[in-house]
Amino acid sequence: MQIDDEVTAAPPVTSRSRRTAVNAAVNFAAEVLGKGATFIWMVVATRVLAQEDFGALSYALALGVLVSALPGWGFDFAIVTRGSRNHRALERTYTETLVWQVGAALVVYGAAIGVEFSIRGATSTAVAFALVLVSTAVDLFSHTMREAAVARQRQAGMAGALVVQRSVTAAAVVGTLLSGGGLLLAAVAILTGSLVGLTMHFLALRRVGVRARPSSVSTAGLTELWRATLTTGVTGLVLVALFRIDSVLLQLFLGERAVAAYAVSYRLVETVLFVAWVLKDAVFPVMSADDDATTTRRGLQLSSAAAAAVYLPFAAGAAVLAPQVIGLLYGERYIDQSATILVLLAPAPMLFALAYFLMAALAARRLTSSMLISAGTALVVNVVLNLLLIPSLGGEGAAATTTVSYLVEVLVAWMLLRRRIGAVHLVRAIWVAASASAVMVVALVVVRLPVLPEIVLGAVVYALAYAVVARRWASEQLDLIATLIRRKM
């Protein structure tokens, strides 16, 4: 089935750029608030729950994301690419996506919960596992609604819905744990937050003007959507496996305590990934709506420079201050178990961001086979290294594997994209942040202070070094920061 509805004209460049910057700023603020709330309840859970219970919770969250890959498929890319080019096709694609996702979710989540009960029996841990798994299924549908809003480039309402969801979840979990509730009641709180979030996302999407249209669903349409997303769907499965399979393998080989020790550092790293998600959501619709290779290259370079400004100093600070940071956030019992894991994971957010932007560029150019090759190569490396390293090195082996796997994905995706659109100067985009981060490392090593003052010192030194280097050799990056602050471009 071909989409032959009238294509909505693209907005003027100035209007489109301003909207892109506004969306990025709104989403950034929402993600900061939302991730902050999630991080707070995770820290509380780490300190209050027994290590085995925290490991079981972390495993449930990781497996839930992994299971969601099948109903998630490649539908989000279809929603954005079709919806950004043809708004009249958006509701049909969105509705067909929901039909596929409901059917697939019932099967795969039901199977996962059934397997867990067969292993653990009807225990409170198994019930908590099931509730957390259901919450990730609910979050999948909220994510689909956000992608529909991304296609319309009207994301403010969705940003607000996400903040409400994360805030309600954090308040419920923290209140439950501090009042003496254990793993089971914490799982109830997590599911409650997800259901509140689903309601808020539904209302926000209606305000954007997107509604599910059951009358638009047909067998032919569903079949065509599945065929059109086959490659991106398989790629999505691979990418989610790359993101979460380490925790599952740790659980398989070493159990909940190893998962907990790994999750302590992984959650800290994962908390900052929202910067990449926000930047992708801002530039992907623009790249999808414009076939010009220059637009794709510019989107990649600007998003990479913006991500490097955050992720490279994070990596440098995490590597130098890992034991102090782990002790400050999670307590002394995790320092020996998790500090080295954090050092090994420190470069992962920057590599994840580069891979994420490159995959978005490949999707925007409809190079789906290249996406699958990039992700598949990285996953093979990930699984092989995990199987070799986890039994002997535990979480440290999983951490090293994660970082290496994303590096492999970046290199393969970059080479494949370069063949189609020409040179993409990623090193040139991130060198300013890399130089400033090196100066920060020197300051952190030379000046030894308590952890909080040292973090402040590092941030100040980095900001000053970045400003000096950028003003002298890359003034366009300072201009980019200034325009993003003003919500113009």
Protein backbone atom coordinates (compact mmCIF):
# COMPACT_ATOMS: atom_id res chain seq x y z
CA MET A 1 0.00 0.00 0.00
CA GLN A 2 1.48 3.33 -1.01
CA ILE A 3 0.90 6.53 0.87
CA ASP A 4 -0.61 8.93 -1.62
CA ASP A 5 -2.14 11.56 0.63
CA GLU A 6 -1.28 15.15 0.04
CA VAL A 7 2.14 16.03 1.41
CA THR A 8 2.15 19.01 3.72
CA ALA A 9 4.58 21.68 2.66
CA ALA A 10 7.67 22.01 4.81
CA PRO A 11 7.86 25.20 6.86
CA PRO A 12 10.33 27.90 5.91
CA VAL A 13 13.93 27.28 7.02
CA THR A 14 13.90 30.04 9.64
CA SER A 15 10.62 28.84 11.14
CA ARG A 16 11.74 25.22 11.03
CA SER A 17 15.06 26.01 12.69
CA ARG A 18 13.37 28.05 15.40
CA ARG A 19 10.93 25.21 16.05
CA THR A 20 13.83 22.73 16.20
CA ALA A 21 15.60 24.85 18.81
CA VAL A 22 12.41 25.32 20.83
CA ASN A 23 11.73 21.57 20.80
CA ALA A 24 15.28 20.87 21.89
CA ALA A 25 15.09 23.39 24.73
CA VAL A 26 11.69 22.16 25.96
CA ASN A 27 12.69 18.51 25.81
CA PHE A 28 15.99 19.22 27.48
CA ALA A 29 14.28 20.91 30.42
CA ALA A 30 11.75 18.09 30.69
CA GLU A 31 14.39 15.40 30.55
CA VAL A 32 16.53 17.13 33.18
CA LEU A 33 13.57 17.22 35.55
CA GLY A 34 12.39 13.73 34.64
CA LYS A 35 15.80 12.08 34.79
CA GLY A 36 16.53 13.88 38.02
CA ALA A 37 13.38 12.45 39.56
CA THR A 38 14.19 8.94 38.33
CA PHE A 39 17.74 9.19 39.60
CA ILE A 40 16.53 10.24 43.04
CA TRP A 41 14.29 7.23 43.50
CA MET A 42 16.98 4.91 42.16
CA VAL A 43 19.47 6.26 44.72
CA VAL A 44 16.93 5.79 47.50
CA ALA A 45 16.19 2.25 46.29
CA THR A 46 19.90 1.47 46.24
CA ARG A 47 20.34 2.59 49.82
CA VAL A 48 17.11 1.16 51.29
CA LEU A 49 16.69 -2.18 49.53
CA ALA A 50 18.90 -5.18 50.17
CA GLN A 51 21.44 -5.70 47.40
CA GLU A 52 19.60 -8.79 46.15
CA ASP A 53 16.29 -6.88 45.98
CA PHE A 54 17.88 -3.94 44.19
CA GLY A 55 19.46 -6.39 41.77
CA ALA A 56 16.08 -8.03 41.14
CA LEU A 57 14.51 -4.60 40.50
CA SER A 58 17.33 -3.62 38.12
CA TYR A 59 17.04 -6.93 36.29
CA ALA A 60 13.27 -6.49 35.87
CA LEU A 61 13.74 -3.00 34.43
CA ALA A 62 16.46 -4.19 32.06
CA LEU A 63 14.51 -7.21 30.88
CA GLY A 64 11.38 -5.07 30.46
CA VAL A 65 13.21 -2.77 28.06
CA LEU A 66 14.62 -5.78 26.24
CA VAL A 67 11.19 -7.41 25.89
CA SER A 68 9.68 -4.12 24.68
CA ALA A 69 11.91 -4.24 21.61
CA LEU A 70 9.59 -6.64 19.77
CA PRO A 71 6.35 -4.63 20.16
CA GLY A 72 8.40 -1.45 19.75
CA TRP A 73 9.79 -2.77 16.45
CA GLY A 74 10.79 0.00 14.02
CA PHE A 75 7.46 1.76 14.25
CA ASP A 76 8.82 4.94 15.84
CA PHE A 77 10.97 5.61 12.76
CA ALA A 78 7.96 5.01 10.52
CA ILE A 79 5.82 7.43 12.53
CA VAL A 80 8.42 10.20 12.36
CA THR A 81 9.55 9.73 8.76
CA ARG A 82 6.01 9.46 7.40
CA GLY A 83 4.46 11.98 9.74
CA SER A 84 7.13 14.67 9.25
CA ARG A 85 6.68 14.46 5.48
CA ASN A 86 2.94 13.87 5.35
CA HIS A 87 0.86 14.92 8.33
CA ARG A 88 -2.29 13.38 6.86
CA ALA A 89 -0.62 9.96 6.96
CA LEU A 90 0.46 10.36 10.59
CA GLU A 91 -2.76 9.27 12.28
CA ARG A 92 -3.07 6.19 10.10
CA THR A 93 0.50 5.10 10.82
CA TYR A 94 0.07 5.87 14.52
CA THR A 95 -3.12 3.79 14.72
CA GLU A 96 -1.64 0.85 12.83
CA THR A 97 1.37 0.98 15.13
CA LEU A 98 -0.85 0.73 18.21
CA VAL A 99 -2.62 -2.32 16.78
CA TRP A 100 0.68 -4.10 16.16
CA GLN A 101 2.06 -3.12 19.55
CA VAL A 102 -0.94 -4.28 21.56
CA GLY A 103 -0.91 -7.69 19.91
CA ALA A 104 2.83 -8.19 20.23
CA ALA A 105 2.94 -6.91 23.82
CA LEU A 106 0.29 -9.37 24.97
CA VAL A 107 2.36 -12.24 23.60
CA VAL A 108 5.91 -11.34 24.62
CA TYR A 109 5.16 -9.80 28.01
CA GLY A 110 2.84 -12.65 28.87
CA ALA A 111 5.57 -15.14 27.98
CA ALA A 112 8.22 -13.30 30.01
CA ILE A 113 6.00 -13.12 33.10
CA GLY A 114 5.05 -16.76 32.73
CA VAL A 115 8.70 -17.83 32.57
CA GLU A 116 9.54 -15.78 35.65
CA PHE A 117 6.74 -17.36 37.70
CA SER A 118 7.80 -20.81 36.55
CA ILE A 119 11.32 -20.10 37.83
CA ARG A 120 10.57 -18.26 41.07
CA GLY A 121 7.12 -19.59 41.87
CA ALA A 122 4.32 -17.41 43.28
CA THR A 123 6.69 -15.34 45.42
CA SER A 124 6.55 -11.64 46.21
CA THR A 125 9.69 -11.15 44.11
CA ALA A 126 7.98 -12.75 41.10
CA VAL A 127 4.91 -10.54 41.56
CA ALA A 128 7.13 -7.44 41.82
CA PHE A 129 8.94 -8.56 38.67
CA ALA A 130 5.63 -8.86 36.80
CA LEU A 131 4.46 -5.41 37.92
CA VAL A 132 7.69 -3.75 36.85
CA LEU A 133 7.56 -5.57 33.52
CA VAL A 134 3.99 -4.35 32.93
CA SER A 135 5.13 -0.80 33.70
CA THR A 136 7.69 -1.00 30.88
CA ALA A 137 4.90 -2.12 28.53
CA VAL A 138 2.84 0.91 29.54
CA ASP A 139 5.87 3.13 28.98
CA LEU A 140 6.17 1.73 25.45
CA PHE A 141 2.78 3.20 24.50
CA SER A 142 3.68 6.55 26.05
CA HIS A 143 6.85 6.51 23.95
CA THR A 144 4.81 5.87 20.79
CA MET A 145 2.65 8.90 21.60
CA ARG A 146 5.77 11.03 22.05
CA GLU A 147 7.03 9.94 18.63
CA ALA A 148 3.76 11.08 17.04
CA ALA A 149 4.30 14.49 18.62
CA VAL A 150 7.90 14.49 17.37
CA ALA A 151 6.56 14.03 13.82
CA ARG A 152 4.42 17.13 14.31
CA GLN A 153 7.39 18.96 15.88
CA ARG A 154 5.08 19.97 18.74
CA GLN A 155 6.62 18.41 21.80
CA ALA A 156 5.93 20.79 24.68
CA GLY A 157 2.83 18.96 25.92
CA MET A 158 4.59 15.61 25.78
CA ALA A 159 7.52 17.05 27.68
CA GLY A 160 5.12 18.09 30.43
CA ALA A 161 3.51 14.66 30.48
CA LEU A 162 6.90 13.01 30.88
CA VAL A 163 7.78 15.28 33.80
CA VAL A 164 4.50 14.45 35.53
CA GLN A 165 5.06 10.72 35.02
CA ARG A 166 8.61 10.75 36.36
CA SER A 167 7.71 13.02 39.28
CA VAL A 168 4.72 10.90 40.33
CA THR A 169 6.81 7.74 40.08
CA ALA A 170 9.63 9.23 42.13
CA ALA A 171 7.30 10.53 44.85
CA ALA A 172 5.46 7.20 45.05
CA VAL A 173 8.61 5.04 45.15
CA VAL A 174 10.50 7.23 47.61
CA GLY A 175 7.49 7.54 49.87
CA THR A 176 6.93 3.80 49.76
CA LEU A 177 10.52 2.88 50.52
CA LEU A 178 11.07 5.45 53.27
CA SER A 179 7.86 4.37 54.99
CA GLY A 180 9.11 0.80 55.22
CA GLY A 181 7.70 -0.71 52.02
CA GLY A 182 9.86 -3.26 50.25
CA LEU A 183 10.39 -4.42 46.70
CA LEU A 184 6.77 -5.41 46.05
CA LEU A 185 5.25 -2.08 47.10
CA ALA A 186 7.97 -0.23 45.20
CA ALA A 187 6.92 -2.14 42.08
CA VAL A 188 3.31 -1.08 42.66
CA ALA A 189 4.49 2.53 42.87
CA ILE A 190 6.44 2.22 39.61
CA LEU A 191 3.41 0.84 37.78
CA THR A 192 1.21 3.59 39.21
CA GLY A 193 3.55 6.25 37.85
CA SER A 194 3.55 4.64 34.42
CA LEU A 195 -0.27 4.56 34.29
CA VAL A 196 -0.45 8.22 35.29
CA GLY A 197 2.09 8.98 32.58
CA LEU A 198 0.09 7.12 29.95
CA THR A 199 -2.98 9.17 30.79
CA MET A 200 -1.04 12.44 30.58
CA HIS A 201 0.56 11.48 27.26
CA PHE A 202 -2.84 10.56 25.82
CA LEU A 203 -4.29 13.95 26.76
CA ALA A 204 -1.23 15.81 25.44
CA LEU A 205 -1.38 14.01 22.11
CA ARG A 206 -5.04 14.94 21.68
CA ARG A 207 -4.08 18.58 22.17
CA VAL A 208 -1.51 18.20 19.39
CA GLY A 209 -4.35 17.02 17.15
CA VAL A 210 -3.34 13.38 16.72
CA ARG A 211 -5.91 10.69 17.44
CA ALA A 212 -6.13 6.98 16.87
CA ARG A 213 -8.45 6.30 13.92
CA PRO A 214 -9.59 2.65 14.06
CA SER A 215 -11.51 3.13 10.83
CA SER A 216 -8.24 3.74 9.00
CA VAL A 217 -6.87 0.32 9.92
CA SER A 218 -6.92 -2.38 7.27
CA THR A 219 -5.23 -5.71 6.80
CA ALA A 220 -3.41 -4.33 3.79
CA GLY A 221 -2.22 -1.31 5.77
CA LEU A 222 -0.98 -3.41 8.67
CA THR A 223 0.86 -5.72 6.29
CA GLU A 224 2.45 -2.82 4.45
CA LEU A 225 3.58 -1.19 7.70
CA TRP A 226 5.19 -4.42 8.86
CA ARG A 227 6.98 -4.87 5.55
CA ALA A 228 8.09 -1.25 5.45
CA THR A 229 9.56 -1.49 8.96
CA LEU A 230 11.02 -4.98 8.68
CA THR A 231 14.64 -3.87 8.50
CA THR A 232 14.29 -1.08 11.06
CA GLY A 233 12.35 -3.43 13.30
CA VAL A 234 15.10 -6.02 13.32
CA THR A 235 17.58 -3.20 13.82
CA GLY A 236 15.55 -1.98 16.79
CA LEU A 237 15.66 -5.44 18.34
CA VAL A 238 19.41 -5.50 17.90
CA LEU A 239 19.89 -2.01 19.36
CA VAL A 240 17.82 -2.74 22.43
CA ALA A 241 19.69 -5.99 22.95
CA LEU A 242 22.94 -4.05 22.68
CA PHE A 243 21.64 -1.63 25.32
CA ARG A 244 20.37 -4.18 27.88
CA ILE A 245 21.71 -7.66 27.28
CA ASP A 246 24.64 -7.09 29.66
CA SER A 247 22.35 -7.05 32.71
CA VAL A 248 20.53 -10.15 31.53
CA LEU A 249 23.79 -12.05 31.04
CA LEU A 250 25.04 -10.90 34.44
CA GLN A 251 21.86 -12.26 36.00
CA LEU A 252 22.31 -15.53 34.12
CA PHE A 253 25.93 -16.05 35.13
CA LEU A 254 26.30 -14.36 38.52
CA GLY A 255 22.88 -13.46 39.96
CA GLU A 256 21.21 -10.42 41.55
CA ARG A 257 24.20 -9.13 43.53
CA ALA A 258 26.30 -8.77 40.39
CA VAL A 259 23.41 -7.07 38.61
CA ALA A 260 23.06 -4.60 41.49
CA ALA A 261 26.77 -3.74 41.50
CA TYR A 262 26.67 -3.14 37.75
CA ALA A 263 23.38 -1.23 37.86
CA VAL A 264 24.78 1.27 40.37
CA SER A 265 27.25 2.59 37.79
CA TYR A 266 25.12 1.87 34.72
CA ARG A 267 22.19 3.88 36.06
CA LEU A 268 24.45 6.85 36.67
CA VAL A 269 25.67 6.65 33.07
CA GLU A 270 22.18 6.04 31.72
CA THR A 271 20.84 9.12 33.50
CA VAL A 272 22.76 11.46 31.19
CA LEU A 273 21.69 9.75 27.96
CA PHE A 274 18.66 12.02 27.72
CA VAL A 275 20.89 14.66 26.11
CA ALA A 276 21.32 12.39 23.09
CA TRP A 277 17.59 11.59 22.98
CA VAL A 278 16.65 15.28 23.10
CA LEU A 279 19.11 16.22 20.37
CA LYS A 280 17.97 13.34 18.14
CA ASP A 281 14.32 14.28 18.55
CA ALA A 282 15.20 17.83 17.54
CA VAL A 283 17.25 17.06 14.42
CA PHE A 284 15.72 13.80 13.16
CA PRO A 285 12.45 15.30 11.82
CA VAL A 286 14.45 18.00 10.03
CA MET A 287 16.80 15.46 8.45
CA SER A 288 13.83 13.25 7.51
CA ALA A 289 11.93 16.10 5.86
CA ASP A 290 14.90 17.28 3.77
CA ASP A 291 16.78 15.06 1.29
CA ASP A 292 19.73 17.44 1.08
CA ALA A 293 22.93 15.72 2.27
CA THR A 294 24.14 19.08 3.59
CA THR A 295 21.22 19.15 6.03
CA THR A 296 22.13 15.68 7.28
CA ARG A 297 25.81 16.54 7.72
CA ARG A 298 25.00 19.78 9.52
CA GLY A 299 22.53 18.05 11.82
CA LEU A 300 25.12 15.41 12.70
CA GLN A 301 27.89 17.89 13.35
CA LEU A 302 25.80 20.27 15.47
CA SER A 303 24.22 17.50 17.53
CA SER A 304 27.61 15.83 18.04
CA ALA A 305 29.20 19.08 19.18
CA ALA A 306 26.34 19.73 21.61
CA ALA A 307 26.52 16.18 23.00
CA ALA A 308 30.30 16.36 23.39
CA ALA A 309 29.96 19.54 25.45
CA VAL A 310 28.11 17.45 28.05
CA TYR A 311 29.42 13.90 27.68
CA LEU A 312 33.17 14.45 27.45
CA PRO A 313 33.48 16.34 30.75
CA PHE A 314 31.15 13.76 32.30
CA ALA A 315 33.48 10.99 31.12
CA ALA A 316 36.55 12.79 32.40
CA GLY A 317 35.00 13.54 35.79
CA ALA A 318 33.59 10.03 36.20
CA ALA A 319 36.96 8.47 35.41
CA VAL A 320 38.88 10.62 37.89
CA LEU A 321 36.33 10.74 40.71
CA ALA A 322 34.62 7.33 40.40
CA PRO A 323 35.16 6.06 43.99
CA GLN A 324 34.14 9.38 45.56
CA VAL A 325 31.02 9.67 43.40
CA ILE A 326 29.90 6.09 44.07
CA GLY A 327 30.40 6.56 47.80
CA LEU A 328 28.55 9.87 47.85
CA LEU A 329 25.50 8.60 45.97
CA TYR A 330 25.15 4.97 46.94
CA GLY A 331 27.14 4.45 50.11
CA GLU A 332 30.42 2.78 50.93
CA ARG A 333 29.20 -0.79 50.36
CA TYR A 334 29.25 -0.24 46.58
CA ILE A 335 32.62 1.55 46.24
CA ASP A 336 34.77 -1.54 45.83
CA GLN A 337 32.16 -3.28 43.66
CA SER A 338 31.21 -0.43 41.30
CA ALA A 339 33.94 2.22 41.03
CA THR A 340 35.98 0.44 38.35
CA ILE A 341 32.77 -0.33 36.47
CA LEU A 342 32.03 3.40 36.34
CA VAL A 343 35.51 4.16 35.00
CA LEU A 344 35.05 1.63 32.20
CA LEU A 345 31.57 2.92 31.37
CA ALA A 346 32.56 6.61 31.42
CA PRO A 347 33.18 6.94 27.64
CA ALA A 348 29.97 5.06 26.77
CA PRO A 349 27.54 8.06 26.74
CA MET A 350 29.60 9.93 24.13
CA LEU A 351 29.93 6.83 21.97
CA PHE A 352 26.23 6.05 22.41
CA ALA A 353 25.33 9.58 21.31
CA LEU A 354 27.48 9.42 18.18
CA ALA A 355 26.05 6.02 17.28
CA TYR A 356 22.51 7.27 17.96
CA PHE A 357 22.91 10.30 15.71
CA LEU A 358 24.52 8.27 12.93
CA MET A 359 21.71 5.71 13.06
CA ALA A 360 19.14 8.52 12.92
CA ALA A 361 20.91 9.95 9.87
CA LEU A 362 20.88 6.54 8.20
CA ALA A 363 17.16 6.22 8.96
CA ALA A 364 16.47 9.70 7.59
CA ARG A 365 18.24 8.72 4.36
CA ARG A 366 16.26 5.42 4.27
CA LEU A 367 19.52 3.44 4.52
CA THR A 368 17.91 0.76 6.65
CA SER A 369 20.24 -2.03 5.58
CA SER A 370 23.20 0.05 6.74
CA MET A 371 21.47 0.53 10.09
CA LEU A 372 21.11 -3.21 10.50
CA ILE A 373 24.72 -3.88 9.52
CA SER A 374 25.99 -1.31 12.03
CA ALA A 375 23.84 -2.49 14.90
CA GLY A 376 24.31 -6.18 14.09
CA THR A 377 28.09 -5.90 14.02
CA ALA A 378 28.10 -4.13 17.38
CA LEU A 379 25.77 -6.73 18.92
CA VAL A 380 27.92 -9.64 17.77
CA VAL A 381 30.95 -7.99 19.35
CA ASN A 382 28.92 -7.30 22.49
CA VAL A 383 27.64 -10.85 22.96
CA VAL A 384 30.99 -12.51 22.23
CA LEU A 385 32.90 -10.24 24.61
CA ASN A 386 30.26 -10.55 27.33
CA LEU A 387 30.34 -14.35 27.13
CA LEU A 388 34.12 -14.27 27.37
CA LEU A 389 34.51 -11.63 30.08
CA ILE A 390 31.50 -11.78 32.42
CA PRO A 391 32.26 -15.20 33.96
CA SER A 392 35.72 -14.06 35.08
CA LEU A 393 35.41 -10.27 35.40
CA GLY A 394 31.71 -9.81 36.23
CA GLY A 395 30.42 -6.26 35.93
CA GLU A 396 33.80 -4.90 34.91
CA GLY A 397 33.80 -7.19 31.88
CA ALA A 398 30.25 -6.10 31.00
CA ALA A 399 31.24 -2.43 31.32
CA ALA A 400 34.29 -2.77 29.06
CA THR A 401 32.18 -4.67 26.55
CA THR A 402 29.51 -1.96 26.48
CA THR A 403 32.03 0.78 25.69
CA VAL A 404 33.81 -1.25 23.01
CA SER A 405 30.51 -2.24 21.38
CA TYR A 406 29.35 1.35 20.96
CA LEU A 407 32.74 2.28 19.51
CA VAL A 408 32.32 -0.49 16.92
CA GLU A 409 28.81 0.76 16.08
CA VAL A 410 30.08 4.32 15.59
CA LEU A 411 32.88 3.24 13.26
CA VAL A 412 30.71 0.99 11.10
CA ALA A 413 27.80 3.47 10.85
CA TRP A 414 30.16 6.35 10.10
CA MET A 415 31.83 4.45 7.24
CA LEU A 416 28.51 3.39 5.71
CA LEU A 417 26.96 6.86 5.94
CA ARG A 418 30.07 8.54 4.57
CA ARG A 419 29.70 6.60 1.33
CA ARG A 420 26.30 8.18 0.73
CA ILE A 421 26.56 11.78 1.94
CA GLY A 422 30.28 12.53 1.92
CA ALA A 423 32.62 13.40 4.75
CA VAL A 424 31.09 13.79 8.23
CA HIS A 425 33.64 15.56 10.43
CA LEU A 426 32.75 14.17 13.84
CA VAL A 427 36.22 14.69 15.31
CA ARG A 428 36.13 18.31 14.23
CA ALA A 429 32.76 18.66 15.95
CA ILE A 430 33.94 17.35 19.34
CA TRP A 431 37.55 18.54 19.59
CA VAL A 432 36.70 21.71 21.52
CA ALA A 433 34.95 19.76 24.27
CA ALA A 434 37.77 17.20 24.27
CA SER A 435 40.40 19.91 24.77
CA ALA A 436 38.46 21.55 27.60
CA SER A 437 37.91 18.17 29.25
CA ALA A 438 41.65 17.48 29.20
CA VAL A 439 42.26 20.75 31.03
CA MET A 440 39.59 19.76 33.57
CA VAL A 441 41.28 16.40 34.20
CA VAL A 442 44.56 18.15 35.00
CA ALA A 443 42.78 20.40 37.50
CA LEU A 444 41.02 17.47 39.18
CA VAL A 445 44.25 15.48 39.50
CA VAL A 446 46.34 18.39 40.80
CA VAL A 447 43.79 19.89 43.21
CA ARG A 448 42.37 17.38 45.68
CA LEU A 449 39.23 18.47 47.52
CA PRO A 450 36.14 16.78 48.99
CA VAL A 451 34.01 15.36 46.21
CA LEU A 452 31.33 18.08 45.92
CA PRO A 453 33.78 21.04 45.84
CA GLU A 454 35.93 19.06 43.40
CA ILE A 455 32.97 18.55 41.08
CA VAL A 456 32.25 22.29 41.20
CA LEU A 457 35.91 23.04 40.51
CA GLY A 458 35.93 20.70 37.53
CA ALA A 459 32.77 22.28 36.10
CA VAL A 460 34.16 25.81 36.42
CA VAL A 461 37.53 24.90 34.90
CA TYR A 462 35.82 23.07 32.05
CA ALA A 463 33.45 25.96 31.27
CA LEU A 464 36.29 28.48 31.22
CA ALA A 465 38.52 26.27 29.09
CA TYR A 466 35.68 25.56 26.67
CA ALA A 467 34.90 29.26 26.28
CA VAL A 468 38.56 30.17 25.66
CA VAL A 469 39.18 27.42 23.11
CA ALA A 470 35.89 27.90 21.30
CA ARG A 471 36.23 31.69 21.13
CA ARG A 472 39.68 31.38 19.58
CA TRP A 473 39.17 28.46 17.16
CA ALA A 474 35.47 27.50 16.97
CA SER A 475 33.30 30.52 17.60
CA GLU A 476 30.38 28.89 15.80
CA GLN A 477 29.97 26.51 18.75
CA LEU A 478 29.54 29.42 21.13
CA ASP A 479 27.05 30.91 18.69
CA LEU A 480 25.15 27.61 18.70
CA ILE A 481 24.96 27.58 22.50
CA ALA A 482 23.79 31.18 22.56
CA THR A 483 21.06 30.56 19.99
CA LEU A 484 19.84 27.45 21.79
CA ILE A 485 19.59 29.46 24.98
CA ARG A 486 17.57 32.10 23.14
CA ARG A 487 15.50 29.29 21.53
CA LYS A 488 16.39 30.52 18.09
CA MET A 489 18.71 29.27 15.39
